Amino acid sequence: MSGLNHFDEKGNAVMVDVSEKSETKRVAVAKGSIKVSKEIMNLIKTGNIKKGDVLGVSRVAGIMASKQTSNLIPMCHPLMINGANIDFELDEENSRVIIYGSVKTTGKTGVEMEALTAVSVAALTIYDMCKAVDKRMVIENIHLVSKTGGKNGEFHF
């Protein structure tokens, strides 16, 4: 693993200069989950949460968040997102909503942070929409699953 490149020779935090990098197609996929009560799982499945369509709103929130990543993470470059998607898997046996986020761009820097932000905000939105029923939800295991493009090539968790 290479050294950190968000610091200058004096140890000051800096935004990485990507002006000399080539543009490539880049895709990142992240995953996370939120553990919920059996009651919340049933309410999500049946669409009976009072605030509305939990997964639909969470999907939109995650996609919107991917486009705002540079406003949240100080050294992230603003990127032109070519595509973003959020998918869900209901793990009823373990009472978890599994969240997958994928983000695509063609550019000089990757979209890993955008995918991770999308999953994080999607999970937070589920929490927000369901907290009136039970606040004992746990957001967990948010991580990068894969990334392609760029000089460092592919990564698979």
N, C-alpha and C. Protein backbone atom coordinates (compact mmCIF):
# COMPACT_ATOMS: atom_id res chain seq x y z
N MET A 1 0.84 -1.17 0.00
CA MET A 1 0.00 0.00 0.00
C MET A 1 0.89 1.23 0.00
N SER A 2 0.58 2.20 -0.86
CA SER A 2 1.40 3.41 -0.95
C SER A 2 1.10 4.36 0.20
N GLY A 3 1.97 5.35 0.35
CA GLY A 3 1.80 6.33 1.42
C GLY A 3 0.62 7.24 1.17
N LEU A 4 0.26 8.00 2.17
CA LEU A 4 -0.85 8.94 2.04
C LEU A 4 -0.42 10.12 1.19
N ASN A 5 -1.30 10.57 0.31
CA ASN A 5 -0.93 11.68 -0.56
C ASN A 5 -1.80 12.91 -0.35
N HIS A 6 -2.47 12.99 0.80
CA HIS A 6 -3.26 14.17 1.12
C HIS A 6 -2.50 15.14 2.03
N PHE A 7 -1.17 15.00 2.06
CA PHE A 7 -0.35 15.89 2.86
C PHE A 7 0.82 16.40 2.03
N ASP A 8 1.19 17.67 2.24
CA ASP A 8 2.37 18.20 1.56
C ASP A 8 3.62 17.87 2.36
N GLU A 9 4.78 18.36 1.89
CA GLU A 9 6.05 18.06 2.55
C GLU A 9 6.15 18.61 3.96
N LYS A 10 5.29 19.57 4.31
CA LYS A 10 5.29 20.14 5.66
C LYS A 10 4.24 19.48 6.57
N GLY A 11 3.52 18.52 6.02
CA GLY A 11 2.50 17.83 6.81
C GLY A 11 1.14 18.50 6.79
N ASN A 12 0.97 19.50 5.93
CA ASN A 12 -0.32 20.18 5.82
C ASN A 12 -1.27 19.36 4.95
N ALA A 13 -2.53 19.34 5.32
CA ALA A 13 -3.53 18.65 4.51
C ALA A 13 -3.73 19.41 3.20
N VAL A 14 -3.76 18.67 2.10
CA VAL A 14 -3.95 19.27 0.77
C VAL A 14 -4.89 18.38 -0.05
N MET A 15 -5.50 19.00 -1.05
CA MET A 15 -6.27 18.24 -2.03
C MET A 15 -5.28 17.71 -3.06
N VAL A 16 -5.37 16.44 -3.38
CA VAL A 16 -4.46 15.83 -4.35
C VAL A 16 -4.63 16.50 -5.71
N ASP A 17 -3.52 16.82 -6.36
CA ASP A 17 -3.54 17.41 -7.69
C ASP A 17 -3.69 16.29 -8.72
N VAL A 18 -4.82 16.26 -9.41
CA VAL A 18 -5.08 15.21 -10.40
C VAL A 18 -4.96 15.74 -11.83
N SER A 19 -4.41 16.94 -11.99
CA SER A 19 -4.39 17.57 -13.31
C SER A 19 -3.59 16.78 -14.35
N GLU A 20 -2.62 15.99 -13.92
CA GLU A 20 -1.80 15.21 -14.86
C GLU A 20 -2.33 13.80 -15.08
N LYS A 21 -3.38 13.41 -14.38
CA LYS A 21 -3.91 12.06 -14.51
C LYS A 21 -4.79 11.94 -15.75
N SER A 22 -4.87 10.74 -16.29
CA SER A 22 -5.72 10.48 -17.44
C SER A 22 -7.14 10.20 -16.99
N GLU A 23 -8.09 10.56 -17.84
CA GLU A 23 -9.47 10.23 -17.57
C GLU A 23 -9.72 8.77 -17.94
N THR A 24 -10.38 8.06 -17.04
CA THR A 24 -10.77 6.68 -17.31
C THR A 24 -12.19 6.48 -16.77
N LYS A 25 -12.84 5.44 -17.27
CA LYS A 25 -14.14 5.06 -16.74
C LYS A 25 -13.90 4.44 -15.36
N ARG A 26 -14.65 4.90 -14.38
CA ARG A 26 -14.46 4.46 -13.00
C ARG A 26 -15.81 4.07 -12.41
N VAL A 27 -15.80 2.95 -11.71
CA VAL A 27 -17.00 2.45 -11.06
C VAL A 27 -16.63 1.99 -9.65
N ALA A 28 -17.44 2.34 -8.69
CA ALA A 28 -17.24 1.88 -7.31
C ALA A 28 -18.56 1.33 -6.78
N VAL A 29 -18.45 0.24 -6.02
CA VAL A 29 -19.62 -0.37 -5.38
C VAL A 29 -19.32 -0.47 -3.89
N ALA A 30 -20.27 -0.02 -3.08
CA ALA A 30 -20.15 -0.11 -1.63
C ALA A 30 -21.36 -0.87 -1.09
N LYS A 31 -21.21 -1.33 0.14
CA LYS A 31 -22.26 -2.13 0.77
C LYS A 31 -22.29 -1.80 2.25
N GLY A 32 -23.46 -1.88 2.84
CA GLY A 32 -23.63 -1.71 4.27
C GLY A 32 -24.97 -2.28 4.66
N SER A 33 -25.28 -2.22 5.93
CA SER A 33 -26.58 -2.73 6.38
C SER A 33 -27.06 -1.96 7.59
N ILE A 34 -28.35 -2.12 7.84
CA ILE A 34 -28.94 -1.57 9.06
C ILE A 34 -29.78 -2.68 9.68
N LYS A 35 -29.46 -2.98 10.91
CA LYS A 35 -30.19 -4.01 11.66
C LYS A 35 -31.40 -3.33 12.29
N VAL A 36 -32.57 -3.92 12.07
CA VAL A 36 -33.82 -3.35 12.55
C VAL A 36 -34.59 -4.41 13.34
N SER A 37 -35.60 -3.96 14.06
CA SER A 37 -36.45 -4.91 14.79
C SER A 37 -37.33 -5.67 13.80
N LYS A 38 -37.87 -6.78 14.26
CA LYS A 38 -38.80 -7.56 13.43
C LYS A 38 -40.01 -6.70 13.05
N GLU A 39 -40.45 -5.86 13.99
CA GLU A 39 -41.59 -4.98 13.72
C GLU A 39 -41.28 -4.01 12.58
N ILE A 40 -40.10 -3.39 12.62
CA ILE A 40 -39.72 -2.46 11.55
C ILE A 40 -39.58 -3.21 10.23
N MET A 41 -38.97 -4.38 10.24
CA MET A 41 -38.82 -5.16 9.01
C MET A 41 -40.20 -5.41 8.39
N ASN A 42 -41.17 -5.79 9.20
CA ASN A 42 -42.51 -6.05 8.70
C ASN A 42 -43.15 -4.77 8.15
N LEU A 43 -42.96 -3.65 8.85
CA LEU A 43 -43.53 -2.38 8.39
C LEU A 43 -42.90 -1.92 7.07
N ILE A 44 -41.59 -2.14 6.92
CA ILE A 44 -40.92 -1.79 5.66
C ILE A 44 -41.48 -2.65 4.53
N LYS A 45 -41.57 -3.95 4.77
CA LYS A 45 -42.07 -4.88 3.75
C LYS A 45 -43.49 -4.56 3.31
N THR A 46 -44.33 -4.18 4.26
CA THR A 46 -45.73 -3.94 3.94
C THR A 46 -46.01 -2.48 3.56
N GLY A 47 -45.00 -1.62 3.66
CA GLY A 47 -45.18 -0.22 3.29
C GLY A 47 -46.01 0.57 4.29
N ASN A 48 -45.94 0.19 5.55
CA ASN A 48 -46.79 0.82 6.56
C ASN A 48 -46.05 1.75 7.53
N ILE A 49 -44.86 2.19 7.18
CA ILE A 49 -44.19 3.21 8.00
C ILE A 49 -44.90 4.54 7.74
N LYS A 50 -45.23 5.25 8.79
CA LYS A 50 -46.04 6.48 8.65
C LYS A 50 -45.37 7.54 7.77
N LYS A 51 -44.04 7.57 7.74
CA LYS A 51 -43.35 8.60 6.95
C LYS A 51 -43.35 8.29 5.45
N GLY A 52 -43.78 7.08 5.06
CA GLY A 52 -43.88 6.77 3.63
C GLY A 52 -43.03 5.59 3.20
N ASP A 53 -42.69 5.58 1.93
CA ASP A 53 -41.94 4.50 1.29
C ASP A 53 -40.48 4.55 1.73
N VAL A 54 -40.13 3.76 2.73
CA VAL A 54 -38.80 3.81 3.34
C VAL A 54 -37.70 3.56 2.30
N LEU A 55 -37.81 2.49 1.55
CA LEU A 55 -36.75 2.15 0.61
C LEU A 55 -36.71 3.11 -0.57
N GLY A 56 -37.85 3.58 -1.02
CA GLY A 56 -37.88 4.54 -2.12
C GLY A 56 -37.22 5.86 -1.74
N VAL A 57 -37.56 6.36 -0.56
CA VAL A 57 -36.97 7.61 -0.09
C VAL A 57 -35.47 7.42 0.18
N SER A 58 -35.12 6.28 0.77
CA SER A 58 -33.72 5.99 1.06
C SER A 58 -32.90 5.91 -0.23
N ARG A 59 -33.47 5.32 -1.26
CA ARG A 59 -32.78 5.22 -2.56
C ARG A 59 -32.48 6.63 -3.10
N VAL A 60 -33.48 7.49 -3.09
CA VAL A 60 -33.29 8.86 -3.59
C VAL A 60 -32.25 9.60 -2.75
N ALA A 61 -32.32 9.44 -1.43
CA ALA A 61 -31.37 10.11 -0.53
C ALA A 61 -29.94 9.66 -0.82
N GLY A 62 -29.74 8.36 -1.01
CA GLY A 62 -28.41 7.84 -1.30
C GLY A 62 -27.86 8.37 -2.61
N ILE A 63 -28.70 8.39 -3.63
CA ILE A 63 -28.26 8.90 -4.93
C ILE A 63 -27.92 10.38 -4.82
N MET A 64 -28.77 11.14 -4.17
CA MET A 64 -28.50 12.58 -3.99
C MET A 64 -27.22 12.80 -3.20
N ALA A 65 -26.99 11.98 -2.18
CA ALA A 65 -25.79 12.11 -1.35
C ALA A 65 -24.53 11.86 -2.16
N SER A 66 -24.58 10.90 -3.07
CA SER A 66 -23.39 10.62 -3.88
C SER A 66 -22.94 11.87 -4.63
N LYS A 67 -23.89 12.68 -5.03
CA LYS A 67 -23.57 13.90 -5.79
C LYS A 67 -23.09 15.04 -4.90
N GLN A 68 -23.20 14.88 -3.58
CA GLN A 68 -22.80 15.93 -2.63
C GLN A 68 -21.54 15.58 -1.85
N THR A 69 -20.89 14.48 -2.21
CA THR A 69 -19.77 13.99 -1.41
C THR A 69 -18.68 15.04 -1.21
N SER A 70 -18.33 15.77 -2.25
CA SER A 70 -17.26 16.77 -2.11
C SER A 70 -17.64 17.90 -1.16
N ASN A 71 -18.91 18.07 -0.89
CA ASN A 71 -19.35 19.07 0.09
C ASN A 71 -19.25 18.55 1.52
N LEU A 72 -19.11 17.23 1.67
CA LEU A 72 -19.08 16.61 2.99
C LEU A 72 -17.69 16.16 3.42
N ILE A 73 -16.91 15.67 2.48
CA ILE A 73 -15.57 15.14 2.76
C ILE A 73 -14.57 16.17 2.24
N PRO A 74 -13.80 16.80 3.11
CA PRO A 74 -13.01 17.97 2.74
C PRO A 74 -12.08 17.82 1.53
N MET A 75 -11.41 16.70 1.34
CA MET A 75 -10.43 16.61 0.27
C MET A 75 -10.94 15.89 -0.99
N CYS A 76 -12.24 15.62 -1.04
CA CYS A 76 -12.81 14.98 -2.23
C CYS A 76 -12.99 16.00 -3.34
N HIS A 77 -12.68 15.57 -4.55
CA HIS A 77 -12.88 16.42 -5.71
C HIS A 77 -14.36 16.42 -6.12
N PRO A 78 -14.88 17.56 -6.55
CA PRO A 78 -16.23 17.55 -7.12
C PRO A 78 -16.19 16.75 -8.42
N LEU A 79 -17.11 15.82 -8.58
CA LEU A 79 -17.10 14.95 -9.75
C LEU A 79 -18.41 15.05 -10.51
N MET A 80 -18.31 14.84 -11.81
CA MET A 80 -19.49 14.70 -12.64
C MET A 80 -19.88 13.23 -12.58
N ILE A 81 -20.94 12.92 -11.85
CA ILE A 81 -21.40 11.55 -11.71
C ILE A 81 -22.18 11.18 -12.97
N ASN A 82 -21.78 10.08 -13.60
CA ASN A 82 -22.49 9.61 -14.80
C ASN A 82 -23.66 8.71 -14.44
N GLY A 83 -23.59 8.05 -13.31
CA GLY A 83 -24.66 7.17 -12.88
C GLY A 83 -24.50 6.81 -11.42
N ALA A 84 -25.63 6.64 -10.74
CA ALA A 84 -25.62 6.21 -9.35
C ALA A 84 -26.86 5.39 -9.10
N ASN A 85 -26.71 4.36 -8.28
CA ASN A 85 -27.83 3.50 -7.99
C ASN A 85 -27.73 2.95 -6.57
N ILE A 86 -28.87 2.76 -5.96
CA ILE A 86 -28.96 2.13 -4.64
C ILE A 86 -29.92 0.95 -4.78
N ASP A 87 -29.50 -0.21 -4.29
CA ASP A 87 -30.35 -1.40 -4.26
C ASP A 87 -30.41 -1.93 -2.84
N PHE A 88 -31.48 -2.65 -2.56
CA PHE A 88 -31.69 -3.20 -1.22
C PHE A 88 -31.95 -4.69 -1.29
N GLU A 89 -31.55 -5.35 -0.23
CA GLU A 89 -31.88 -6.76 -0.03
C GLU A 89 -32.42 -6.86 1.39
N LEU A 90 -33.61 -7.45 1.53
CA LEU A 90 -34.18 -7.63 2.87
C LEU A 90 -33.76 -8.99 3.39
N ASP A 91 -32.95 -8.98 4.42
CA ASP A 91 -32.50 -10.21 5.10
C ASP A 91 -33.42 -10.40 6.29
N GLU A 92 -34.56 -11.02 6.03
CA GLU A 92 -35.57 -11.16 7.08
C GLU A 92 -35.10 -12.05 8.22
N GLU A 93 -34.33 -13.07 7.90
CA GLU A 93 -33.86 -14.00 8.93
C GLU A 93 -33.04 -13.29 10.00
N ASN A 94 -32.18 -12.34 9.57
CA ASN A 94 -31.34 -11.59 10.50
C ASN A 94 -31.88 -10.19 10.77
N SER A 95 -33.04 -9.89 10.23
CA SER A 95 -33.71 -8.60 10.43
C SER A 95 -32.78 -7.42 10.06
N ARG A 96 -32.25 -7.50 8.83
CA ARG A 96 -31.35 -6.47 8.34
C ARG A 96 -31.78 -6.03 6.94
N VAL A 97 -31.59 -4.75 6.68
CA VAL A 97 -31.72 -4.24 5.32
C VAL A 97 -30.30 -4.06 4.82
N ILE A 98 -29.95 -4.79 3.76
CA ILE A 98 -28.62 -4.68 3.16
C ILE A 98 -28.71 -3.67 2.03
N ILE A 99 -27.77 -2.76 2.00
CA ILE A 99 -27.78 -1.65 1.05
C ILE A 99 -26.56 -1.75 0.14
N TYR A 100 -26.79 -1.67 -1.16
CA TYR A 100 -25.71 -1.66 -2.15
C TYR A 100 -25.76 -0.33 -2.88
N GLY A 101 -24.63 0.32 -3.01
CA GLY A 101 -24.55 1.58 -3.75
C GLY A 101 -23.50 1.48 -4.83
N SER A 102 -23.85 1.88 -6.04
CA SER A 102 -22.86 1.91 -7.12
C SER A 102 -22.86 3.29 -7.76
N VAL A 103 -21.66 3.76 -8.09
CA VAL A 103 -21.50 5.08 -8.68
C VAL A 103 -20.51 4.97 -9.83
N LYS A 104 -20.80 5.68 -10.93
CA LYS A 104 -19.96 5.65 -12.13
C LYS A 104 -19.59 7.07 -12.55
N THR A 105 -18.39 7.20 -13.09
CA THR A 105 -17.96 8.46 -13.69
C THR A 105 -16.89 8.16 -14.73
N THR A 106 -16.61 9.10 -15.55
CA THR A 106 -15.41 9.09 -16.38
C THR A 106 -14.63 10.32 -15.95
N GLY A 107 -13.46 10.08 -15.36
CA GLY A 107 -12.73 11.22 -14.83
C GLY A 107 -11.33 10.86 -14.40
N LYS A 108 -10.73 11.78 -13.67
CA LYS A 108 -9.34 11.66 -13.24
C LYS A 108 -9.18 11.12 -11.83
N THR A 109 -10.29 10.93 -11.15
CA THR A 109 -10.24 10.39 -9.79
C THR A 109 -11.47 9.51 -9.57
N GLY A 110 -11.36 8.60 -8.63
CA GLY A 110 -12.38 7.57 -8.44
C GLY A 110 -13.60 8.02 -7.68
N VAL A 111 -14.57 7.11 -7.61
CA VAL A 111 -15.85 7.40 -6.98
C VAL A 111 -16.10 6.51 -5.75
N GLU A 112 -15.01 6.04 -5.13
CA GLU A 112 -15.18 5.22 -3.93
C GLU A 112 -15.90 5.98 -2.82
N MET A 113 -15.49 7.20 -2.56
CA MET A 113 -16.11 7.98 -1.49
C MET A 113 -17.58 8.27 -1.79
N GLU A 114 -17.89 8.46 -3.06
CA GLU A 114 -19.27 8.72 -3.45
C GLU A 114 -20.15 7.49 -3.19
N ALA A 115 -19.64 6.30 -3.50
CA ALA A 115 -20.40 5.07 -3.24
C ALA A 115 -20.58 4.85 -1.74
N LEU A 116 -19.52 5.07 -0.97
CA LEU A 116 -19.60 4.91 0.48
C LEU A 116 -20.56 5.93 1.11
N THR A 117 -20.54 7.15 0.61
CA THR A 117 -21.45 8.19 1.10
C THR A 117 -22.89 7.83 0.76
N ALA A 118 -23.11 7.33 -0.44
CA ALA A 118 -24.46 6.94 -0.86
C ALA A 118 -25.04 5.88 0.08
N VAL A 119 -24.26 4.86 0.39
CA VAL A 119 -24.73 3.79 1.28
C VAL A 119 -24.96 4.33 2.69
N SER A 120 -24.05 5.16 3.16
CA SER A 120 -24.17 5.73 4.51
C SER A 120 -25.45 6.55 4.66
N VAL A 121 -25.71 7.41 3.70
CA VAL A 121 -26.89 8.28 3.78
C VAL A 121 -28.17 7.47 3.56
N ALA A 122 -28.12 6.46 2.72
CA ALA A 122 -29.29 5.59 2.56
C ALA A 122 -29.62 4.91 3.89
N ALA A 123 -28.61 4.43 4.59
CA ALA A 123 -28.83 3.80 5.90
C ALA A 123 -29.36 4.81 6.92
N LEU A 124 -28.79 6.00 6.94
CA LEU A 124 -29.26 7.04 7.86
C LEU A 124 -30.72 7.42 7.57
N THR A 125 -31.09 7.40 6.31
CA THR A 125 -32.47 7.73 5.93
C THR A 125 -33.44 6.66 6.43
N ILE A 126 -33.04 5.39 6.31
CA ILE A 126 -33.87 4.32 6.88
C ILE A 126 -34.04 4.55 8.37
N TYR A 127 -32.93 4.86 9.06
CA TYR A 127 -33.01 5.13 10.50
C TYR A 127 -34.00 6.26 10.77
N ASP A 128 -33.86 7.35 10.05
CA ASP A 128 -34.71 8.52 10.27
C ASP A 128 -36.18 8.19 10.06
N MET A 129 -36.48 7.44 9.03
CA MET A 129 -37.87 7.15 8.71
C MET A 129 -38.50 6.14 9.68
N CYS A 130 -37.67 5.36 10.36
CA CYS A 130 -38.19 4.29 11.23
C CYS A 130 -38.00 4.55 12.72
N LYS A 131 -37.31 5.61 13.08
CA LYS A 131 -36.96 5.83 14.49
C LYS A 131 -38.15 6.02 15.40
N ALA A 132 -39.29 6.44 14.89
CA ALA A 132 -40.47 6.61 15.73
C ALA A 132 -40.99 5.25 16.23
N VAL A 133 -40.69 4.19 15.49
CA VAL A 133 -41.12 2.84 15.88
C VAL A 133 -40.16 2.25 16.90
N ASP A 134 -38.85 2.39 16.62
CA ASP A 134 -37.83 1.80 17.51
C ASP A 134 -36.49 2.43 17.17
N LYS A 135 -35.85 3.04 18.16
CA LYS A 135 -34.56 3.70 17.93
C LYS A 135 -33.37 2.75 18.05
N ARG A 136 -33.60 1.48 18.34
CA ARG A 136 -32.50 0.53 18.53
C ARG A 136 -32.06 -0.11 17.22
N MET A 137 -31.88 0.68 16.19
CA MET A 137 -31.34 0.19 14.92
C MET A 137 -29.83 0.38 14.94
N VAL A 138 -29.13 -0.49 14.23
CA VAL A 138 -27.66 -0.41 14.18
C VAL A 138 -27.22 -0.40 12.73
N ILE A 139 -26.54 0.67 12.36
CA ILE A 139 -25.93 0.76 11.03
C ILE A 139 -24.57 0.09 11.13
N GLU A 140 -24.28 -0.83 10.18
CA GLU A 140 -23.04 -1.59 10.33
C GLU A 140 -22.44 -2.00 8.98
N ASN A 141 -21.16 -2.32 9.07
CA ASN A 141 -20.41 -2.95 7.98
C ASN A 141 -20.40 -2.17 6.67
N ILE A 142 -20.33 -0.87 6.72
CA ILE A 142 -20.23 -0.09 5.49
C ILE A 142 -18.80 -0.20 4.98
N HIS A 143 -18.67 -0.66 3.73
CA HIS A 143 -17.34 -0.86 3.16
C HIS A 143 -17.38 -0.86 1.64
N LEU A 144 -16.21 -0.63 1.06
CA LEU A 144 -16.06 -0.69 -0.39
C LEU A 144 -16.03 -2.15 -0.81
N VAL A 145 -16.85 -2.52 -1.78
CA VAL A 145 -16.89 -3.88 -2.30
C VAL A 145 -15.95 -4.02 -3.49
N SER A 146 -15.98 -3.03 -4.39
CA SER A 146 -15.12 -3.10 -5.57
C SER A 146 -14.96 -1.71 -6.17
N LYS A 147 -13.90 -1.59 -6.95
CA LYS A 147 -13.70 -0.38 -7.74
C LYS A 147 -12.90 -0.75 -8.97
N THR A 148 -13.20 -0.09 -10.08
CA THR A 148 -12.46 -0.29 -11.32
C THR A 148 -12.07 1.07 -11.87
N GLY A 149 -11.05 1.07 -12.71
CA GLY A 149 -10.57 2.29 -13.34
C GLY A 149 -9.42 2.92 -12.59
N GLY A 150 -8.74 3.80 -13.27
CA GLY A 150 -7.62 4.51 -12.65
C GLY A 150 -6.32 3.74 -12.72
N LYS A 151 -5.24 4.40 -12.31
CA LYS A 151 -3.91 3.80 -12.42
C LYS A 151 -3.70 2.64 -11.46
N ASN A 152 -4.46 2.60 -10.37
CA ASN A 152 -4.31 1.51 -9.41
C ASN A 152 -5.14 0.28 -9.79
N GLY A 153 -5.91 0.38 -10.86
CA GLY A 153 -6.64 -0.78 -11.37
C GLY A 153 -7.82 -1.18 -10.51
N GLU A 154 -8.04 -2.48 -10.46
CA GLU A 154 -9.23 -3.01 -9.78
C GLU A 154 -8.97 -3.32 -8.31
N PHE A 155 -10.04 -3.22 -7.54
CA PHE A 155 -10.04 -3.63 -6.13
C PHE A 155 -11.29 -4.44 -5.90
N HIS A 156 -11.16 -5.55 -5.20
CA HIS A 156 -12.31 -6.37 -4.81
C HIS A 156 -12.12 -6.77 -3.36
N PHE A 157 -13.11 -6.51 -2.54
CA PHE A 157 -13.06 -6.81 -1.12
C PHE A 157 -13.12 -8.31 -0.90
